[in-house]
Structures are given as C-alpha cells and as structure tokens.
C-alpha cells in the first residue's frame, strides 16, 4: 500500500478525488436541506443521521476516518 498523501498522486483523477468528494458532500447536504431529509454519515464506524438543521448552510462537515486495522 502506498502511504504518500493523495495530493501527491501522479494520476490527476486520484489527486483531485478528495475535492470531488467534498463537493459531492456539500451538494448532498444542500439537497437534504431543500427536501427536509437526513444525511447519513459514518463517524468512527458509527452510522449517524444528521438532520438538515444540524448543519448550518455553508458549514463543512468533516467526518473522521474510521479506525482501520492493518491486517499485515
């Protein structure tokens, strides 16, 4: 497994994937606000349902990385 930061990837699609995922998350939160539905996120391996009112417009939600275990 490559342990370099994704921002240093040689492949442009991979390098920009983090930005694309953040943009998709913002769009999902905006759609949830417009439709009055919850957004499902996983934090530390626990599934949570965020109500549209839980996140003010424009505020970024940063989900923490799950506790993966290296199986080597």
Protein backbone atom coordinates (compact mmCIF):
# COMPACT_ATOMS: atom_id res chain seq x y z
CA UNK A 1 0.00 0.00 0.00
CA UNK A 2 1.25 3.47 -0.91
CA UNK A 3 1.43 5.73 2.15
CA UNK A 4 2.00 9.03 0.29
CA UNK A 5 -0.64 11.75 0.62
CA UNK A 6 -3.28 11.51 -2.09
CA UNK A 7 -2.48 15.10 -3.12
CA UNK A 8 0.89 13.81 -4.40
CA UNK A 9 -0.55 11.09 -6.66
CA UNK A 10 0.67 11.01 -10.25
CA UNK A 11 -2.85 10.38 -11.57
CA UNK A 12 -4.81 13.66 -11.80
CA UNK A 13 -8.15 11.90 -11.22
CA UNK A 14 -6.88 10.38 -8.00
CA UNK A 15 -5.20 13.61 -6.92
CA UNK A 16 -8.46 15.58 -7.34
CA UNK A 17 -10.78 12.90 -5.93
CA UNK A 18 -10.73 14.40 -2.42
CA UNK A 19 -12.01 17.75 -3.75
CA UNK A 20 -14.71 15.95 -5.77
CA UNK A 21 -15.88 14.02 -2.69
CA UNK A 22 -16.04 17.21 -0.63
CA UNK A 23 -18.09 18.90 -3.37
CA UNK A 24 -20.45 15.90 -3.51
CA UNK A 25 -20.89 16.03 0.27
CA UNK A 26 -21.79 19.75 0.11
CA UNK A 27 -24.33 19.03 -2.62
CA UNK A 28 -25.83 16.16 -0.58
CA UNK A 29 -26.21 18.43 2.47
CA UNK A 30 -27.80 21.15 0.35
CA UNK A 31 -30.25 18.67 -1.18
CA UNK A 32 -31.10 17.38 2.31
CA UNK A 33 -31.85 20.95 3.44
CA UNK A 34 -34.09 21.56 0.41
CA UNK A 35 -36.01 18.30 0.82
CA UNK A 36 -36.06 18.11 4.63
CA UNK A 37 -34.36 14.71 4.72
CA UNK A 38 -31.46 13.42 6.80
CA UNK A 39 -27.90 12.86 5.64
CA UNK A 40 -26.38 9.54 6.65
CA UNK A 41 -22.72 9.65 7.71
CA UNK A 42 -20.33 7.27 9.42
CA UNK A 43 -18.16 8.61 12.22
CA UNK A 44 -15.63 6.30 13.79
CA UNK A 45 -17.58 3.35 12.41
CA UNK A 46 -20.90 4.53 13.86
CA UNK A 47 -23.73 5.38 11.44
CA UNK A 48 -25.39 8.71 12.24
CA UNK A 49 -28.37 10.52 10.71
CA UNK A 50 -27.85 14.28 10.52
CA UNK A 51 -30.96 16.38 10.25
CA UNK A 52 -30.80 19.25 7.75
CA UNK A 53 -30.96 21.72 10.65
CA UNK A 54 -27.95 20.11 12.36
CA UNK A 55 -25.51 21.65 9.87
CA UNK A 56 -25.87 25.36 9.09
CA UNK A 57 -25.66 26.25 5.37
CA UNK A 58 -22.08 26.67 4.23
CA UNK A 59 -20.59 24.83 7.21
CA UNK A 60 -18.38 21.93 6.27
CA UNK A 61 -18.90 18.60 8.00
CA UNK A 62 -15.66 16.71 8.49
CA UNK A 63 -16.19 13.04 9.10
CA UNK A 64 -13.35 11.39 10.96
CA UNK A 65 -11.53 8.47 9.40
CA UNK A 66 -12.71 5.04 10.59
CA UNK A 67 -10.32 3.05 12.76
CA UNK A 68 -8.95 0.68 10.10
CA UNK A 69 -6.74 -2.15 11.24
CA UNK A 70 -3.70 -3.10 9.15
CA UNK A 71 -4.09 -6.85 8.57
CA UNK A 72 -0.38 -7.47 7.86
